């Protein structure tokens, strides 16, 4: 079922918000990464950052709180805030006096460094979820490191590589989103997401439904 995407309890008071959150993250990441790679125009990603990657992902995080899923809530709400703050920063830096004389590249480098630190521990924790989610955080980690270095050094080539890996990140997130939607429609998994990479011996027990699907998806 889709509930395995972020490994929450089987009984939920709302529909699984993970496919929405992953889809919002994937599409916004794809468009911005296409711009960083030199393929897409600049301004096209800002509306997505505010309304889809930002607002929709933030809502997914709030619904994950309702589902008592700490990992999903933290991930979606944080990256919803990431997109809202990034879009707002670019608008303020470009259209207001606050942006006059601002070193935008260096500012973006520090901004991305902070989220790279957050993503680093979420990457380790995602190994307890499943391979698809771990793949999202792993490719995102590489993307953020490249972009942090690229913007801090104002190196266009490194930024382009960050864009290339960002497109891969979007593809992995889209797959995880599609798996959540497809698997919610079937008693057995349609698209495999893989078992957890790291299984803690003392971890709390999973529901039989989630455990069964995780085993089949391996």
N, C-alpha and C. Protein backbone atom coordinates (compact mmCIF):
# COMPACT_ATOMS: atom_id res chain seq x y z
N UNK A 1 0.84 -1.20 0.00
CA UNK A 1 0.00 0.00 0.00
C UNK A 1 0.88 1.25 0.00
N UNK A 2 0.27 2.39 -0.30
CA UNK A 2 1.04 3.62 -0.34
C UNK A 2 1.58 3.98 1.03
N UNK A 3 0.94 3.45 2.09
CA UNK A 3 1.40 3.81 3.43
C UNK A 3 2.81 3.35 3.70
N UNK A 4 3.31 2.39 2.89
CA UNK A 4 4.67 1.94 3.09
C UNK A 4 5.70 2.96 2.62
N UNK A 5 5.27 3.96 1.84
CA UNK A 5 6.22 4.91 1.29
C UNK A 5 7.04 5.57 2.39
N UNK A 6 6.38 6.01 3.45
CA UNK A 6 7.09 6.55 4.59
C UNK A 6 6.84 5.70 5.84
N UNK A 7 6.39 4.44 5.65
CA UNK A 7 6.33 3.44 6.70
C UNK A 7 5.54 3.90 7.92
N UNK A 8 4.28 4.27 7.73
CA UNK A 8 3.44 4.73 8.83
C UNK A 8 2.53 3.58 9.29
N UNK A 9 1.81 3.74 10.42
CA UNK A 9 0.86 2.72 10.84
C UNK A 9 -0.20 2.48 9.77
N UNK A 10 -0.72 1.24 9.70
CA UNK A 10 -1.66 0.88 8.64
C UNK A 10 -2.98 1.63 8.76
N UNK A 11 -3.43 1.92 9.99
CA UNK A 11 -4.70 2.61 10.19
C UNK A 11 -4.44 4.11 10.16
N UNK A 12 -5.06 4.80 9.22
CA UNK A 12 -4.82 6.23 9.05
C UNK A 12 -6.15 6.96 9.00
N UNK A 13 -6.15 8.20 9.53
CA UNK A 13 -7.37 8.99 9.53
C UNK A 13 -7.54 9.77 8.23
N UNK A 14 -6.50 9.88 7.43
CA UNK A 14 -6.59 10.59 6.16
C UNK A 14 -5.91 9.74 5.09
N UNK A 15 -6.17 10.08 3.83
CA UNK A 15 -5.48 9.39 2.73
C UNK A 15 -3.98 9.66 2.82
N UNK A 16 -3.20 8.75 2.26
CA UNK A 16 -1.75 8.85 2.31
C UNK A 16 -1.27 10.10 1.57
N UNK A 17 -0.66 11.07 2.25
CA UNK A 17 -0.20 12.29 1.58
C UNK A 17 1.17 12.17 0.95
N UNK A 18 1.86 11.04 1.16
CA UNK A 18 3.23 10.91 0.66
C UNK A 18 3.35 11.03 -0.85
N UNK A 19 2.48 10.39 -1.65
CA UNK A 19 2.60 10.55 -3.10
C UNK A 19 2.46 12.01 -3.56
N UNK A 20 1.58 12.76 -2.90
CA UNK A 20 1.44 14.18 -3.23
C UNK A 20 2.72 14.93 -2.90
N UNK A 21 3.24 14.71 -1.70
CA UNK A 21 4.45 15.40 -1.29
C UNK A 21 5.63 15.07 -2.19
N UNK A 22 5.78 13.81 -2.51
CA UNK A 22 6.88 13.39 -3.39
C UNK A 22 6.71 13.94 -4.80
N UNK A 23 5.46 13.94 -5.30
CA UNK A 23 5.21 14.48 -6.63
C UNK A 23 5.50 15.97 -6.70
N UNK A 24 5.10 16.71 -5.65
CA UNK A 24 5.35 18.15 -5.60
C UNK A 24 6.85 18.43 -5.55
N UNK A 25 7.55 17.64 -4.74
CA UNK A 25 9.00 17.80 -4.66
C UNK A 25 9.66 17.48 -6.01
N UNK A 26 9.21 16.40 -6.64
CA UNK A 26 9.82 15.95 -7.88
C UNK A 26 9.67 16.98 -9.00
N UNK A 27 8.46 17.47 -9.21
CA UNK A 27 8.23 18.39 -10.32
C UNK A 27 8.98 19.70 -10.13
N UNK A 28 8.94 20.25 -8.92
CA UNK A 28 9.63 21.51 -8.68
C UNK A 28 11.13 21.34 -8.79
N UNK A 29 11.65 20.22 -8.27
CA UNK A 29 13.08 19.94 -8.38
C UNK A 29 13.49 19.78 -9.84
N UNK A 30 12.64 19.12 -10.62
CA UNK A 30 12.95 18.91 -12.04
C UNK A 30 13.09 20.23 -12.78
N UNK A 31 12.13 21.13 -12.58
CA UNK A 31 12.14 22.39 -13.34
C UNK A 31 13.32 23.26 -12.92
N UNK A 32 13.57 23.38 -11.60
CA UNK A 32 14.71 24.18 -11.16
C UNK A 32 16.03 23.55 -11.61
N UNK A 33 16.11 22.23 -11.54
CA UNK A 33 17.34 21.55 -11.95
C UNK A 33 17.57 21.71 -13.45
N UNK A 34 16.49 21.67 -14.22
CA UNK A 34 16.61 21.90 -15.67
C UNK A 34 17.15 23.30 -15.94
N UNK A 35 16.74 24.26 -15.11
CA UNK A 35 17.29 25.61 -15.24
C UNK A 35 18.77 25.64 -14.86
N UNK A 36 19.12 24.99 -13.74
CA UNK A 36 20.52 24.96 -13.31
C UNK A 36 21.41 24.27 -14.34
N UNK A 37 20.83 23.29 -15.04
CA UNK A 37 21.59 22.58 -16.08
C UNK A 37 21.70 23.39 -17.37
N UNK A 38 20.97 24.50 -17.46
CA UNK A 38 21.02 25.35 -18.63
C UNK A 38 19.99 25.01 -19.69
N UNK A 39 18.98 24.23 -19.33
CA UNK A 39 17.98 23.80 -20.31
C UNK A 39 16.70 24.64 -20.27
N UNK A 40 16.30 25.11 -19.11
CA UNK A 40 15.01 25.78 -18.93
C UNK A 40 15.22 27.23 -18.51
N UNK A 41 14.27 28.12 -18.83
CA UNK A 41 14.38 29.51 -18.41
C UNK A 41 14.27 29.64 -16.90
N UNK A 42 14.67 30.77 -16.38
CA UNK A 42 14.78 30.96 -14.93
C UNK A 42 13.43 31.06 -14.23
N UNK A 43 12.62 32.00 -14.62
CA UNK A 43 11.45 32.38 -13.83
C UNK A 43 10.39 31.28 -13.72
N UNK A 44 10.44 30.28 -14.60
CA UNK A 44 9.38 29.27 -14.66
C UNK A 44 9.25 28.48 -13.36
N UNK A 45 10.32 28.35 -12.57
CA UNK A 45 10.27 27.51 -11.37
C UNK A 45 9.72 28.23 -10.15
N UNK A 46 9.64 29.56 -10.17
CA UNK A 46 9.29 30.30 -8.96
C UNK A 46 7.84 30.05 -8.53
N UNK A 47 6.91 30.07 -9.47
CA UNK A 47 5.52 29.77 -9.13
C UNK A 47 5.36 28.37 -8.58
N UNK A 48 6.07 27.41 -9.18
CA UNK A 48 6.04 26.04 -8.68
C UNK A 48 6.59 25.97 -7.26
N UNK A 49 7.68 26.71 -7.00
CA UNK A 49 8.30 26.68 -5.68
C UNK A 49 7.33 27.16 -4.60
N UNK A 50 6.50 28.12 -4.93
CA UNK A 50 5.59 28.68 -3.93
C UNK A 50 4.34 27.81 -3.77
N UNK A 51 3.73 27.42 -4.88
CA UNK A 51 2.41 26.79 -4.78
C UNK A 51 2.44 25.27 -4.79
N UNK A 52 3.39 24.65 -5.46
CA UNK A 52 3.40 23.18 -5.54
C UNK A 52 4.49 22.59 -4.63
N UNK A 53 5.73 22.88 -4.95
CA UNK A 53 6.80 22.40 -4.07
C UNK A 53 6.69 22.96 -2.67
N UNK A 54 6.22 24.19 -2.54
CA UNK A 54 6.10 24.81 -1.23
C UNK A 54 4.81 24.49 -0.51
N UNK A 55 3.69 25.03 -0.99
CA UNK A 55 2.42 24.90 -0.28
C UNK A 55 1.92 23.46 -0.25
N UNK A 56 1.93 22.79 -1.41
CA UNK A 56 1.41 21.42 -1.45
C UNK A 56 2.24 20.48 -0.58
N UNK A 57 3.56 20.67 -0.60
CA UNK A 57 4.42 19.81 0.21
C UNK A 57 4.26 20.12 1.70
N UNK A 58 4.07 21.38 2.04
CA UNK A 58 3.83 21.75 3.44
C UNK A 58 2.53 21.13 3.94
N UNK A 59 1.50 21.15 3.11
CA UNK A 59 0.24 20.51 3.49
C UNK A 59 0.42 19.01 3.67
N UNK A 60 1.20 18.38 2.78
CA UNK A 60 1.47 16.95 2.93
C UNK A 60 2.14 16.67 4.26
N UNK A 61 3.06 17.55 4.66
CA UNK A 61 3.70 17.40 5.95
C UNK A 61 2.73 17.51 7.10
N UNK A 62 1.79 18.44 7.01
CA UNK A 62 0.80 18.58 8.08
C UNK A 62 -0.10 17.35 8.18
N UNK A 63 -0.46 16.78 7.02
CA UNK A 63 -1.27 15.56 7.04
C UNK A 63 -0.47 14.38 7.58
N UNK A 64 0.84 14.38 7.36
CA UNK A 64 1.66 13.32 7.93
C UNK A 64 1.70 13.43 9.46
N UNK A 65 1.66 14.65 10.00
CA UNK A 65 1.53 14.81 11.44
C UNK A 65 0.23 14.17 11.93
N UNK A 66 -0.83 14.36 11.16
CA UNK A 66 -2.12 13.76 11.50
C UNK A 66 -2.01 12.23 11.50
N UNK A 67 -1.19 11.70 10.62
CA UNK A 67 -0.98 10.26 10.55
C UNK A 67 0.04 9.74 11.55
N UNK A 68 0.56 10.64 12.39
CA UNK A 68 1.56 10.29 13.40
C UNK A 68 2.83 9.72 12.76
N UNK A 69 3.17 10.23 11.58
CA UNK A 69 4.37 9.80 10.87
C UNK A 69 5.41 10.91 10.99
N UNK A 70 6.30 10.77 11.96
CA UNK A 70 7.26 11.82 12.26
C UNK A 70 8.23 12.05 11.10
N UNK A 71 8.70 10.97 10.49
CA UNK A 71 9.66 11.10 9.40
C UNK A 71 9.04 11.85 8.22
N UNK A 72 7.88 11.40 7.76
CA UNK A 72 7.24 12.04 6.62
C UNK A 72 6.87 13.49 6.91
N UNK A 73 6.37 13.75 8.12
CA UNK A 73 5.99 15.11 8.49
C UNK A 73 7.20 16.03 8.48
N UNK A 74 8.30 15.56 9.05
CA UNK A 74 9.51 16.38 9.11
C UNK A 74 10.08 16.63 7.72
N UNK A 75 10.12 15.59 6.89
CA UNK A 75 10.68 15.73 5.55
C UNK A 75 9.84 16.67 4.68
N UNK A 76 8.54 16.42 4.61
CA UNK A 76 7.69 17.22 3.73
C UNK A 76 7.56 18.65 4.20
N UNK A 77 7.36 18.85 5.51
CA UNK A 77 7.20 20.21 6.01
C UNK A 77 8.49 21.01 5.83
N UNK A 78 9.63 20.36 6.04
CA UNK A 78 10.90 21.07 5.88
C UNK A 78 11.14 21.46 4.44
N UNK A 79 10.92 20.53 3.51
CA UNK A 79 11.17 20.87 2.12
C UNK A 79 10.07 21.73 1.52
N UNK A 80 8.87 21.69 2.10
CA UNK A 80 7.87 22.69 1.74
C UNK A 80 8.36 24.08 2.12
N UNK A 81 8.92 24.19 3.34
CA UNK A 81 9.50 25.46 3.77
C UNK A 81 10.70 25.85 2.92
N UNK A 82 11.48 24.86 2.49
CA UNK A 82 12.62 25.12 1.62
C UNK A 82 12.18 25.85 0.35
N UNK A 83 11.16 25.30 -0.31
CA UNK A 83 10.73 25.90 -1.57
C UNK A 83 10.09 27.26 -1.36
N UNK A 84 9.29 27.40 -0.31
CA UNK A 84 8.67 28.70 -0.04
C UNK A 84 9.73 29.77 0.25
N UNK A 85 10.74 29.41 1.04
CA UNK A 85 11.77 30.38 1.39
C UNK A 85 12.68 30.67 0.20
N UNK A 86 12.97 29.66 -0.62
CA UNK A 86 13.82 29.89 -1.79
C UNK A 86 13.12 30.80 -2.80
N UNK A 87 11.85 30.51 -3.08
CA UNK A 87 11.10 31.37 -3.99
C UNK A 87 10.99 32.79 -3.48
N UNK A 88 10.74 32.94 -2.18
CA UNK A 88 10.62 34.27 -1.59
C UNK A 88 11.95 35.01 -1.64
N UNK A 89 13.05 34.30 -1.37
CA UNK A 89 14.37 34.93 -1.40
C UNK A 89 14.68 35.49 -2.80
N UNK A 90 14.41 34.69 -3.82
CA UNK A 90 14.72 35.12 -5.18
C UNK A 90 13.86 36.32 -5.57
N UNK A 91 12.59 36.31 -5.18
CA UNK A 91 11.72 37.44 -5.50
C UNK A 91 12.20 38.70 -4.78
N UNK A 92 12.53 38.58 -3.49
CA UNK A 92 13.00 39.74 -2.72
C UNK A 92 14.33 40.26 -3.27
N UNK A 93 15.24 39.33 -3.57
CA UNK A 93 16.56 39.74 -4.07
C UNK A 93 16.47 40.40 -5.44
N UNK A 94 15.48 39.99 -6.23
CA UNK A 94 15.37 40.49 -7.60
C UNK A 94 14.54 41.76 -7.72
N UNK A 95 13.53 41.92 -6.86
CA UNK A 95 12.54 42.97 -7.07
C UNK A 95 12.51 44.06 -5.99
N UNK A 96 13.31 43.94 -4.95
CA UNK A 96 13.27 44.94 -3.89
C UNK A 96 14.65 45.54 -3.65
N UNK A 97 14.67 46.62 -2.90
CA UNK A 97 15.94 47.28 -2.58
C UNK A 97 16.80 46.43 -1.66
N UNK A 98 16.18 45.48 -0.97
CA UNK A 98 16.96 44.60 -0.10
C UNK A 98 17.98 43.78 -0.87
N UNK A 99 17.70 43.58 -2.16
CA UNK A 99 18.62 42.79 -2.98
C UNK A 99 19.76 43.58 -3.58
N UNK A 100 19.76 44.91 -3.41
CA UNK A 100 20.81 45.74 -3.99
C UNK A 100 22.15 45.46 -3.29
N UNK A 101 23.15 45.14 -4.07
CA UNK A 101 24.47 44.88 -3.51
C UNK A 101 24.62 43.51 -2.86
N UNK A 102 23.58 42.70 -2.93
CA UNK A 102 23.62 41.38 -2.31
C UNK A 102 24.39 40.40 -3.18
N UNK A 103 25.27 39.61 -2.56
CA UNK A 103 25.95 38.54 -3.27
C UNK A 103 25.01 37.34 -3.28
N UNK A 104 24.23 37.22 -4.34
CA UNK A 104 23.19 36.21 -4.42
C UNK A 104 23.77 34.80 -4.40
N UNK A 105 24.84 34.60 -5.16
CA UNK A 105 25.43 33.26 -5.23
C UNK A 105 25.91 32.79 -3.87
N UNK A 106 26.64 33.64 -3.16
CA UNK A 106 27.14 33.25 -1.83
C UNK A 106 25.99 33.03 -0.86
N UNK A 107 24.96 33.86 -0.95
CA UNK A 107 23.78 33.70 -0.09
C UNK A 107 23.10 32.36 -0.35
N UNK A 108 22.95 32.01 -1.62
CA UNK A 108 22.35 30.72 -1.96
C UNK A 108 23.22 29.56 -1.48
N UNK A 109 24.53 29.74 -1.52
CA UNK A 109 25.43 28.70 -1.03
C UNK A 109 25.21 28.42 0.45
N UNK A 110 25.10 29.46 1.25
CA UNK A 110 24.85 29.27 2.69
C UNK A 110 23.45 28.71 2.94
N UNK A 111 22.50 29.16 2.16
CA UNK A 111 21.13 28.62 2.25
C UNK A 111 21.14 27.11 2.00
N UNK A 112 21.81 26.70 0.95
CA UNK A 112 21.86 25.28 0.59
C UNK A 112 22.69 24.47 1.57
N UNK A 113 23.71 25.08 2.14
CA UNK A 113 24.52 24.38 3.14
C UNK A 113 23.67 23.95 4.33
N UNK A 114 22.81 24.85 4.78
CA UNK A 114 21.94 24.51 5.90
C UNK A 114 21.04 23.33 5.60
N UNK A 115 20.47 23.30 4.40
CA UNK A 115 19.60 22.19 4.05
C UNK A 115 20.39 20.91 3.76
N UNK A 116 21.64 21.05 3.35
CA UNK A 116 22.48 19.88 3.18
C UNK A 116 22.73 19.19 4.51
N UNK A 117 22.95 19.98 5.55
CA UNK A 117 23.13 19.41 6.89
C UNK A 117 21.88 18.67 7.33
N UNK A 118 20.72 19.29 7.13
CA UNK A 118 19.45 18.62 7.47
C UNK A 118 19.30 17.34 6.68
N UNK A 119 19.57 17.41 5.39
CA UNK A 119 19.37 16.24 4.53
C UNK A 119 20.32 15.10 4.88
N UNK A 120 21.50 15.44 5.45
CA UNK A 120 22.48 14.41 5.77
C UNK A 120 21.95 13.45 6.82
N UNK A 121 21.34 13.98 7.89
CA UNK A 121 20.83 13.04 8.90
C UNK A 121 19.52 12.40 8.46
N UNK A 122 18.75 13.10 7.64
CA UNK A 122 17.54 12.46 7.11
C UNK A 122 17.90 11.33 6.14
N UNK A 123 19.02 11.47 5.43
CA UNK A 123 19.50 10.40 4.55
C UNK A 123 19.80 9.15 5.35
N UNK A 124 20.49 9.29 6.46
CA UNK A 124 20.81 8.13 7.30
C UNK A 124 19.54 7.49 7.84
N UNK A 125 18.60 8.31 8.28
CA UNK A 125 17.36 7.79 8.85
C UNK A 125 16.50 7.14 7.78
N UNK A 126 16.56 7.65 6.54
CA UNK A 126 15.73 7.10 5.47
C UNK A 126 16.10 5.66 5.14
N UNK A 127 17.27 5.21 5.57
CA UNK A 127 17.65 3.81 5.36
C UNK A 127 16.74 2.87 6.14
N UNK A 128 16.02 3.40 7.13
CA UNK A 128 15.07 2.60 7.89
C UNK A 128 13.71 2.50 7.20
N UNK A 129 13.51 3.26 6.11
CA UNK A 129 12.20 3.32 5.46
C UNK A 129 12.14 2.30 4.32
N UNK A 130 12.66 2.64 3.18
CA UNK A 130 12.75 1.69 2.05
C UNK A 130 13.75 2.22 1.04
N UNK A 131 14.07 1.42 0.05
CA UNK A 131 15.11 1.78 -0.91
C UNK A 131 14.72 2.97 -1.77
N UNK A 132 13.45 3.09 -2.12
CA UNK A 132 13.01 4.20 -2.96
C UNK A 132 13.20 5.54 -2.25
N UNK A 133 12.77 5.61 -1.00
CA UNK A 133 12.93 6.85 -0.24
C UNK A 133 14.40 7.14 0.02
N UNK A 134 15.17 6.10 0.32
CA UNK A 134 16.62 6.29 0.50
C UNK A 134 17.24 6.85 -0.78
N UNK A 135 16.79 6.35 -1.94
CA UNK A 135 17.31 6.85 -3.21
C UNK A 135 17.01 8.33 -3.41
N UNK A 136 15.83 8.77 -2.97
CA UNK A 136 15.48 10.19 -3.08
C UNK A 136 16.46 11.04 -2.26
N UNK A 137 16.68 10.64 -1.01
CA UNK A 137 17.55 11.44 -0.13
C UNK A 137 19.01 11.33 -0.55
N UNK A 138 19.42 10.20 -1.11
CA UNK A 138 20.81 10.05 -1.55
C UNK A 138 21.11 10.96 -2.74
N UNK A 139 20.26 10.92 -3.76
CA UNK A 139 20.48 11.77 -4.93
C UNK A 139 20.33 13.25 -4.57
N UNK A 140 19.41 13.54 -3.64
CA UNK A 140 19.24 14.92 -3.20
C UNK A 140 20.48 15.40 -2.44
N UNK A 141 21.08 14.52 -1.66
CA UNK A 141 22.31 14.89 -0.93
C UNK A 141 23.41 15.29 -1.90
N UNK A 142 23.59 14.50 -2.95
CA UNK A 142 24.62 14.82 -3.94
C UNK A 142 24.30 16.13 -4.65
N UNK A 143 23.03 16.32 -4.97
CA UNK A 143 22.60 17.57 -5.62
C UNK A 143 22.92 18.77 -4.75
N UNK A 144 22.55 18.69 -3.49
CA UNK A 144 22.74 19.84 -2.58
C UNK A 144 24.22 20.12 -2.34
N UNK A 145 25.04 19.08 -2.25
CA UNK A 145 26.48 19.31 -2.07
C UNK A 145 27.06 20.02 -3.28
N UNK A 146 26.71 19.54 -4.48
CA UNK A 146 27.21 20.17 -5.70
C UNK A 146 26.77 21.63 -5.80
N UNK A 147 25.50 21.89 -5.50
CA UNK A 147 24.99 23.26 -5.61
C UNK A 147 25.58 24.17 -4.54
N UNK A 148 25.78 23.64 -3.33
CA UNK A 148 26.40 24.43 -2.27
C UNK A 148 27.79 24.89 -2.68
N UNK A 149 28.61 23.94 -3.15
CA UNK A 149 29.96 24.26 -3.60
C UNK A 149 29.92 25.19 -4.81
N UNK A 150 29.03 24.88 -5.75
CA UNK A 150 28.94 25.66 -6.97
C UNK A 150 28.59 27.12 -6.72
N UNK A 151 27.60 27.35 -5.86
CA UNK A 151 27.19 28.74 -5.59
C UNK A 151 28.21 29.46 -4.72
N UNK A 152 28.80 28.77 -3.74
CA UNK A 152 29.79 29.43 -2.89
C UNK A 152 31.03 29.83 -3.69
N UNK A 153 31.38 29.03 -4.69
CA UNK A 153 32.55 29.34 -5.51
C UNK A 153 32.17 30.05 -6.81
N UNK A 154 30.87 30.29 -7.00
CA UNK A 154 30.38 30.92 -8.23
C UNK A 154 30.91 30.18 -9.46
N UNK A 155 30.84 28.86 -9.40
CA UNK A 155 31.34 28.00 -10.47
C UNK A 155 30.16 27.46 -11.28
N UNK A 156 30.00 27.97 -12.48
CA UNK A 156 28.84 27.60 -13.31
C UNK A 156 28.86 26.13 -13.70
N UNK A 157 30.05 25.55 -13.87
CA UNK A 157 30.13 24.15 -14.26
C UNK A 157 29.63 23.23 -13.14
N UNK A 158 30.02 23.52 -11.91
CA UNK A 158 29.55 22.71 -10.78
C UNK A 158 28.05 22.86 -10.61
N UNK A 159 27.54 24.07 -10.79
CA UNK A 159 26.10 24.30 -10.70
C UNK A 159 25.38 23.48 -11.76
N UNK A 160 25.94 23.41 -12.96
CA UNK A 160 25.32 22.59 -14.01
C UNK A 160 25.28 21.12 -13.61
N UNK A 161 26.36 20.63 -13.01
CA UNK A 161 26.36 19.24 -12.55
C UNK A 161 25.32 19.03 -11.45
N UNK A 162 25.16 20.04 -10.60
CA UNK A 162 24.09 19.97 -9.61
C UNK A 162 22.72 19.88 -10.27
N UNK A 163 22.58 20.59 -11.40
CA UNK A 163 21.34 20.50 -12.16
C UNK A 163 21.12 19.13 -12.76
N UNK A 164 22.17 18.53 -13.28
CA UNK A 164 22.05 17.19 -13.87
C UNK A 164 21.62 16.17 -12.82
N UNK A 165 22.29 16.20 -11.66
CA UNK A 165 21.95 15.24 -10.61
C UNK A 165 20.56 15.56 -10.04
N UNK A 166 20.19 16.84 -10.04
CA UNK A 166 18.86 17.22 -9.59
C UNK A 166 17.76 16.62 -10.44
N UNK A 167 18.01 16.52 -11.74
CA UNK A 167 17.04 15.88 -12.64
C UNK A 167 16.90 14.40 -12.28
N UNK A 168 18.01 13.75 -11.94
CA UNK A 168 17.95 12.36 -11.50
C UNK A 168 17.17 12.25 -10.19
N UNK A 169 17.41 13.18 -9.28
CA UNK A 169 16.67 13.22 -8.01
C UNK A 169 15.17 13.30 -8.26
N UNK A 170 14.78 14.17 -9.18
CA UNK A 170 13.36 14.32 -9.51
C UNK A 170 12.78 13.02 -10.05
N UNK A 171 13.55 12.33 -10.90
CA UNK A 171 13.07 11.07 -11.47
C UNK A 171 12.86 10.02 -10.39
N UNK A 172 13.78 9.94 -9.42
CA UNK A 172 13.64 8.97 -8.33
C UNK A 172 12.42 9.32 -7.46
N UNK A 173 12.24 10.61 -7.19
CA UNK A 173 11.09 11.04 -6.38
C UNK A 173 9.78 10.79 -7.12
N UNK A 174 9.77 11.00 -8.42
CA UNK A 174 8.56 10.70 -9.21
C UNK A 174 8.23 9.21 -9.15
N UNK A 175 9.26 8.38 -9.21
CA UNK A 175 9.01 6.94 -9.12
C UNK A 175 8.39 6.59 -7.76
N UNK A 176 8.95 7.13 -6.69
CA UNK A 176 8.42 6.85 -5.35
C UNK A 176 6.98 7.35 -5.23
N UNK A 177 6.70 8.50 -5.83
CA UNK A 177 5.33 9.03 -5.82
C UNK A 177 4.39 8.11 -6.60
N UNK A 178 4.82 7.69 -7.80
CA UNK A 178 3.99 6.80 -8.62
C UNK A 178 3.74 5.48 -7.90
N UNK A 179 4.76 4.97 -7.21
CA UNK A 179 4.59 3.73 -6.46
C UNK A 179 3.55 3.89 -5.37
N UNK A 180 3.56 5.03 -4.69
CA UNK A 180 2.57 5.27 -3.65
C UNK A 180 1.15 5.29 -4.19
N UNK A 181 0.96 5.92 -5.35
CA UNK A 181 -0.37 5.99 -5.96
C UNK A 181 -0.80 4.61 -6.45
N UNK A 182 0.07 3.95 -7.21
CA UNK A 182 -0.28 2.65 -7.80
C UNK A 182 -0.52 1.60 -6.72
N UNK A 183 0.34 1.56 -5.72
CA UNK A 183 0.22 0.52 -4.70
C UNK A 183 -0.98 0.73 -3.77
N UNK A 184 -1.50 1.96 -3.74
CA UNK A 184 -2.69 2.22 -2.93
C UNK A 184 -3.94 1.60 -3.56
N UNK A 185 -3.84 1.22 -4.83
CA UNK A 185 -4.99 0.67 -5.56
C UNK A 185 -4.99 -0.85 -5.61
N UNK A 186 -4.01 -1.46 -4.96
CA UNK A 186 -3.87 -2.91 -5.05
C UNK A 186 -3.52 -3.50 -3.70
N UNK A 187 -3.97 -4.74 -3.47
CA UNK A 187 -3.62 -5.45 -2.24
C UNK A 187 -2.17 -5.91 -2.25
N UNK A 188 -1.58 -6.05 -3.44
CA UNK A 188 -0.18 -6.41 -3.55
C UNK A 188 0.53 -5.30 -4.31
N UNK A 189 1.81 -5.09 -4.04
CA UNK A 189 2.51 -3.96 -4.66
C UNK A 189 2.61 -4.07 -6.18
N UNK A 190 2.34 -2.97 -6.86
CA UNK A 190 2.47 -2.91 -8.31
C UNK A 190 3.87 -2.43 -8.69
N UNK A 191 4.33 -1.37 -8.01
CA UNK A 191 5.67 -0.85 -8.23
C UNK A 191 6.49 -1.07 -6.96
N UNK A 192 7.56 -1.82 -7.01
CA UNK A 192 8.34 -2.11 -5.80
C UNK A 192 9.08 -0.88 -5.29
N UNK A 193 9.16 -0.76 -3.98
CA UNK A 193 9.94 0.32 -3.37
C UNK A 193 11.13 -0.21 -2.60
N UNK A 194 11.20 -1.53 -2.40
CA UNK A 194 12.34 -2.12 -1.73
C UNK A 194 12.21 -2.12 -0.22
N UNK A 195 12.81 -3.10 0.40
CA UNK A 195 12.81 -3.20 1.86
C UNK A 195 13.78 -2.18 2.46
N UNK A 196 13.65 -1.90 3.75
CA UNK A 196 14.62 -1.00 4.39
C UNK A 196 16.05 -1.51 4.24
N UNK A 197 16.99 -0.60 4.04
CA UNK A 197 18.40 -0.96 3.94
C UNK A 197 18.96 -1.27 5.32
N UNK A 198 18.51 -0.54 6.30
CA UNK A 198 19.01 -0.67 7.67
C UNK A 198 17.83 -1.07 8.55
N UNK A 199 17.91 -2.25 9.14
CA UNK A 199 16.86 -2.73 10.02
C UNK A 199 17.40 -2.82 11.44
N UNK A 200 16.90 -1.94 12.29
CA UNK A 200 17.35 -1.93 13.69
C UNK A 200 16.71 -3.10 14.43
N UNK A 201 17.49 -3.92 15.17
CA UNK A 201 16.93 -5.08 15.86
C UNK A 201 15.80 -4.72 16.82
N UNK A 202 15.89 -3.58 17.47
CA UNK A 202 14.88 -3.21 18.46
C UNK A 202 13.80 -2.30 17.93
N UNK A 203 13.71 -2.16 16.61
CA UNK A 203 12.71 -1.25 16.03
C UNK A 203 11.31 -1.73 16.34
N UNK A 204 10.36 -0.78 16.45
CA UNK A 204 8.99 -1.16 16.78
C UNK A 204 8.40 -1.97 15.62
N UNK A 205 7.50 -2.85 15.96
CA UNK A 205 6.94 -3.77 14.97
C UNK A 205 6.11 -3.02 13.94
N UNK A 206 6.17 -3.48 12.70
CA UNK A 206 5.36 -2.92 11.62
C UNK A 206 4.05 -3.69 11.55
N UNK A 207 3.07 -3.11 10.90
CA UNK A 207 1.82 -3.84 10.70
C UNK A 207 2.05 -4.97 9.72
N UNK A 208 1.32 -6.08 9.80
CA UNK A 208 1.51 -7.18 8.87
C UNK A 208 1.35 -6.75 7.42
N UNK A 209 0.41 -5.84 7.16
CA UNK A 209 0.16 -5.41 5.78
C UNK A 209 1.39 -4.73 5.19
N UNK A 210 1.95 -3.80 5.95
CA UNK A 210 3.12 -3.07 5.46
C UNK A 210 4.31 -4.02 5.36
N UNK A 211 4.46 -4.90 6.35
CA UNK A 211 5.60 -5.81 6.34
C UNK A 211 5.51 -6.75 5.14
N UNK A 212 4.32 -7.24 4.83
CA UNK A 212 4.15 -8.16 3.72
C UNK A 212 4.52 -7.47 2.39
N UNK A 213 4.04 -6.24 2.22
CA UNK A 213 4.33 -5.54 0.98
C UNK A 213 5.81 -5.21 0.87
N UNK A 214 6.41 -4.86 2.00
CA UNK A 214 7.84 -4.54 1.98
C UNK A 214 8.64 -5.76 1.57
N UNK A 215 8.24 -6.95 2.05
CA UNK A 215 8.97 -8.17 1.70
C UNK A 215 8.82 -8.49 0.23
N UNK A 216 7.62 -8.29 -0.31
CA UNK A 216 7.40 -8.58 -1.72
C UNK A 216 8.13 -7.60 -2.63
N UNK A 217 8.31 -6.39 -2.11
CA UNK A 217 8.90 -5.36 -2.95
C UNK A 217 10.41 -5.47 -3.01
N UNK A 218 11.01 -6.31 -2.19
CA UNK A 218 12.46 -6.39 -2.12
C UNK A 218 13.05 -6.83 -3.46
